[in-house]
C-alpha atoms as a PDB file:
ATOM      1  CA  UNK A   1    -297.106 -23.063  31.784  1.00  0.00           C
ATOM      2  CA  UNK A   2    -300.504 -22.716  30.143  1.00  0.00           C
ATOM      3  CA  UNK A   3    -301.849 -25.285  27.648  1.00  0.00           C
ATOM      4  CA  UNK A   4    -301.245 -22.998  24.653  1.00  0.00           C
ATOM      5  CA  UNK A   5    -297.565 -22.630  25.532  1.00  0.00           C
ATOM      6  CA  UNK A   6    -297.274 -26.370  26.021  1.00  0.00           C
ATOM      7  CA  UNK A   7    -298.829 -27.023  22.621  1.00  0.00           C
ATOM      8  CA  UNK A   8    -296.503 -24.487  20.951  1.00  0.00           C
ATOM      9  CA  UNK A   9    -293.506 -26.260  22.484  1.00  0.00           C
ATOM     10  CA  UNK A  10    -294.777 -29.623  21.256  1.00  0.00           C
ATOM     11  CA  UNK A  11    -295.378 -28.127  17.808  1.00  0.00           C
ATOM     12  CA  UNK A  12    -291.831 -26.739  17.710  1.00  0.00           C
ATOM     13  CA  UNK A  13    -290.520 -30.150  18.774  1.00  0.00           C
ATOM     14  CA  UNK A  14    -292.532 -31.759  15.961  1.00  0.00           C
ATOM     15  CA  UNK A  15    -290.907 -29.425  13.432  1.00  0.00           C
ATOM     16  CA  UNK A  16    -287.443 -30.295  14.769  1.00  0.00           C
ATOM     17  CA  UNK A  17    -288.241 -34.007  14.602  1.00  0.00           C
ATOM     18  CA  UNK A  18    -289.558 -33.629  11.051  1.00  0.00           C
ATOM     19  CA  UNK A  19    -286.244 -32.183   9.863  1.00  0.00           C
ATOM     20  CA  UNK A  20    -284.322 -34.777  11.905  1.00  0.00           C
ATOM     21  CA  UNK A  21    -286.428 -37.538  10.324  1.00  0.00           C
ATOM     22  CA  UNK A  22    -285.595 -36.307   6.830  1.00  0.00           C
ATOM     23  CA  UNK A  23    -281.912 -36.545   7.720  1.00  0.00           C
ATOM     24  CA  UNK A  24    -282.530 -40.001   9.150  1.00  0.00           C
ATOM     25  CA  UNK A  25    -284.110 -41.132   5.886  1.00  0.00           C
ATOM     26  CA  UNK A  26    -281.114 -39.852   3.938  1.00  0.00           C
ATOM     27  CA  UNK A  27    -278.733 -41.629   6.317  1.00  0.00           C
ATOM     28  CA  UNK A  28    -280.693 -44.891   6.088  1.00  0.00           C
ATOM     29  CA  UNK A  29    -280.589 -44.618   2.305  1.00  0.00           C
ATOM     30  CA  UNK A  30    -276.815 -44.184   2.381  1.00  0.00           C
ATOM     31  CA  UNK A  31    -276.363 -47.110   4.773  1.00  0.00           C
ATOM     32  CA  UNK A  32    -278.661 -49.534   2.946  1.00  0.00           C
ATOM     33  CA  UNK A  33    -277.599 -48.606  -0.588  1.00  0.00           C
ATOM     34  CA  UNK A  34    -274.107 -49.873   0.049  1.00  0.00           C
ATOM     35  CA  UNK A  35    -271.693 -51.003   2.677  1.00  0.00           C
ATOM     36  CA  UNK A  36    -270.829 -47.572   4.048  1.00  0.00           C
ATOM     37  CA  UNK A  37    -271.897 -45.289   6.835  1.00  0.00           C
ATOM     38  CA  UNK A  38    -273.436 -41.837   6.349  1.00  0.00           C
ATOM     39  CA  UNK A  39    -271.171 -38.801   6.796  1.00  0.00           C
ATOM     40  CA  UNK A  40    -270.437 -37.714  10.357  1.00  0.00           C
ATOM     41  CA  UNK A  41    -271.736 -34.157   9.822  1.00  0.00           C
ATOM     42  CA  UNK A  42    -275.157 -35.499   8.815  1.00  0.00           C
ATOM     43  CA  UNK A  43    -275.321 -37.839  11.812  1.00  0.00           C
ATOM     44  CA  UNK A  44    -274.351 -34.975  14.140  1.00  0.00           C
ATOM     45  CA  UNK A  45    -276.952 -32.622  12.650  1.00  0.00           C
ATOM     46  CA  UNK A  46    -279.583 -35.360  12.926  1.00  0.00           C
ATOM     47  CA  UNK A  47    -278.714 -35.927  16.589  1.00  0.00           C
ATOM     48  CA  UNK A  48    -278.594 -32.211  17.371  1.00  0.00           C
ATOM     49  CA  UNK A  49    -282.052 -31.572  15.911  1.00  0.00           C
ATOM     50  CA  UNK A  50    -283.574 -34.623  17.587  1.00  0.00           C
ATOM     51  CA  UNK A  51    -281.871 -33.711  20.872  1.00  0.00           C
ATOM     52  CA  UNK A  52    -283.353 -30.229  20.687  1.00  0.00           C
ATOM     53  CA  UNK A  53    -286.804 -31.750  20.139  1.00  0.00           C
ATOM     54  CA  UNK A  54    -286.375 -34.071  23.122  1.00  0.00           C
ATOM     55  CA  UNK A  55    -285.214 -31.137  25.244  1.00  0.00           C
ATOM     56  CA  UNK A  56    -288.295 -29.078  24.335  1.00  0.00           C
ATOM     57  CA  UNK A  57    -290.600 -31.973  25.130  1.00  0.00           C
ATOM     58  CA  UNK A  58    -288.850 -32.678  28.432  1.00  0.00           C
ATOM     59  CA  UNK A  59    -289.061 -29.028  29.434  1.00  0.00           C
ATOM     60  CA  UNK A  60    -292.759 -28.879  28.544  1.00  0.00           C
ATOM     61  CA  UNK A  61    -293.348 -31.985  30.675  1.00  0.00           C
ATOM     62  CA  UNK A  62    -291.347 -30.585  33.592  1.00  0.00           C
ATOM     63  CA  UNK A  63    -292.855 -27.087  33.431  1.00  0.00           C
ATOM     64  CA  UNK A  64    -296.484 -28.040  33.415  1.00  0.00           C
ATOM     65  CA  UNK A  65    -297.226 -31.438  32.041  1.00  0.00           C
ATOM     66  CA  UNK A  66    -297.976 -32.810  28.624  1.00  0.00           C
ATOM     67  CA  UNK A  67    -300.681 -35.177  27.384  1.00  0.00           C
ATOM     68  CA  UNK A  68    -300.123 -38.868  28.113  1.00  0.00           C
ATOM     69  CA  UNK A  69    -299.489 -39.650  24.427  1.00  0.00           C
ATOM     70  CA  UNK A  70    -296.844 -36.936  24.292  1.00  0.00           C
ATOM     71  CA  UNK A  71    -295.189 -38.369  27.392  1.00  0.00           C
ATOM     72  CA  UNK A  72    -295.142 -41.812  25.770  1.00  0.00           C
ATOM     73  CA  UNK A  73    -293.655 -40.186  22.662  1.00  0.00           C
ATOM     74  CA  UNK A  74    -290.967 -38.561  24.806  1.00  0.00           C
ATOM     75  CA  UNK A  75    -290.072 -41.903  26.375  1.00  0.00           C
ATOM     76  CA  UNK A  76    -289.864 -43.547  22.941  1.00  0.00           C
ATOM     77  CA  UNK A  77    -287.717 -40.677  21.646  1.00  0.00           C
ATOM     78  CA  UNK A  78    -285.388 -41.234  24.611  1.00  0.00           C
ATOM     79  CA  UNK A  79    -285.189 -44.927  23.683  1.00  0.00           C
ATOM     80  CA  UNK A  80    -284.431 -43.947  20.077  1.00  0.00           C
ATOM     81  CA  UNK A  81    -281.787 -41.509  21.340  1.00  0.00           C
ATOM     82  CA  UNK A  82    -280.105 -44.303  23.282  1.00  0.00           C
ATOM     83  CA  UNK A  83    -280.023 -46.388  20.116  1.00  0.00           C
ATOM     84  CA  UNK A  84    -278.631 -43.435  18.191  1.00  0.00           C
ATOM     85  CA  UNK A  85    -275.898 -42.969  20.788  1.00  0.00           C
ATOM     86  CA  UNK A  86    -274.932 -46.637  20.472  1.00  0.00           C
ATOM     87  CA  UNK A  87    -274.875 -46.316  16.681  1.00  0.00           C
ATOM     88  CA  UNK A  88    -272.719 -43.210  16.840  1.00  0.00           C
ATOM     89  CA  UNK A  89    -270.342 -44.039  19.669  1.00  0.00           C
ATOM     90  CA  UNK A  90    -270.199 -47.798  19.348  1.00  0.00           C
ATOM     91  CA  UNK A  91    -270.013 -48.116  15.599  1.00  0.00           C
ATOM     92  CA  UNK A  92    -269.557 -44.899  13.632  1.00  0.00           C
ATOM     93  CA  UNK A  93    -266.906 -43.506  15.983  1.00  0.00           C
ATOM     94  CA  UNK A  94    -264.978 -46.791  15.715  1.00  0.00           C
ATOM     95  CA  UNK A  95    -265.378 -46.830  11.915  1.00  0.00           C
ATOM     96  CA  UNK A  96    -267.495 -49.982  12.007  1.00  0.00           C
ATOM     97  CA  UNK A  97    -270.420 -50.515   9.654  1.00  0.00           C
ATOM     98  CA  UNK A  98    -273.715 -49.651  11.344  1.00  0.00           C
ATOM     99  CA  UNK A  99    -275.648 -52.880  12.012  1.00  0.00           C
ATOM    100  CA  UNK A 100    -278.875 -53.020  10.011  1.00  0.00           C
ATOM    101  CA  UNK A 101    -280.926 -54.351  12.916  1.00  0.00           C
ATOM    102  CA  UNK A 102    -279.911 -51.544  15.248  1.00  0.00           C
ATOM    103  CA  UNK A 103    -280.530 -48.930  12.538  1.00  0.00           C
ATOM    104  CA  UNK A 104    -284.018 -50.366  11.963  1.00  0.00           C
ATOM    105  CA  UNK A 105    -284.751 -50.575  15.706  1.00  0.00           C
ATOM    106  CA  UNK A 106    -283.644 -46.955  16.163  1.00  0.00           C
ATOM    107  CA  UNK A 107    -285.888 -45.912  13.280  1.00  0.00           C
ATOM    108  CA  UNK A 108    -288.914 -47.878  14.521  1.00  0.00           C
ATOM    109  CA  UNK A 109    -288.730 -46.324  17.991  1.00  0.00           C
ATOM    110  CA  UNK A 110    -288.354 -42.850  16.483  1.00  0.00           C
ATOM    111  CA  UNK A 111    -291.199 -43.323  13.985  1.00  0.00           C
ATOM    112  CA  UNK A 112    -293.548 -44.625  16.688  1.00  0.00           C
ATOM    113  CA  UNK A 113    -292.682 -41.630  18.877  1.00  0.00           C
ATOM    114  CA  UNK A 114    -293.125 -39.238  15.953  1.00  0.00           C
ATOM    115  CA  UNK A 115    -296.573 -40.638  15.108  1.00  0.00           C
ATOM    116  CA  UNK A 116    -297.673 -40.257  18.737  1.00  0.00           C
ATOM    117  CA  UNK A 117    -296.368 -36.688  18.866  1.00  0.00           C
ATOM    118  CA  UNK A 118    -298.161 -35.830  15.621  1.00  0.00           C
ATOM    119  CA  UNK A 119    -301.380 -37.321  17.023  1.00  0.00           C
ATOM    120  CA  UNK A 120    -301.101 -34.875  19.928  1.00  0.00           C
ATOM    121  CA  UNK A 121    -300.056 -31.861  17.859  1.00  0.00           C
ATOM    122  CA  UNK A 122    -302.412 -32.338  14.920  1.00  0.00           C
ATOM    123  CA  UNK A 123    -305.269 -33.936  16.850  1.00  0.00           C
ATOM    124  CA  UNK A 124    -305.023 -31.579  19.794  1.00  0.00           C
ATOM    125  CA  UNK A 125    -305.195 -34.408  22.332  1.00  0.00           C
ATOM    126  CA  UNK A 126    -305.668 -32.722  25.707  1.00  0.00           C
ATOM    127  CA  UNK A 127    -303.794 -33.495  28.911  1.00  0.00           C
END
């Protein structure tokens, strides 16, 4: 894969993560405004969009390599995904209130990854 194709894949992933992040902000607002969890459809859409972004980044890495910062972003997104899976399967699925600390940890990993990805996409950091 040539560098232009790699960058387009990372840009598409950034768009997916942007929309996923907006959903994440809405869900955090719902969770922290009261003692209730966000709706399941919103959590599923959030996970689907973020999962698609992770998949694009992983494919770009596998098919030809990505800049080191993008690889670090991918690893942090995978960490955030693990936290999201715990939130969904361990708490939401069992109708338990999402723990604030885990929600914040999930968000911090995702935000750090997002900032690194944006640094690559907007700053055109080369491989």
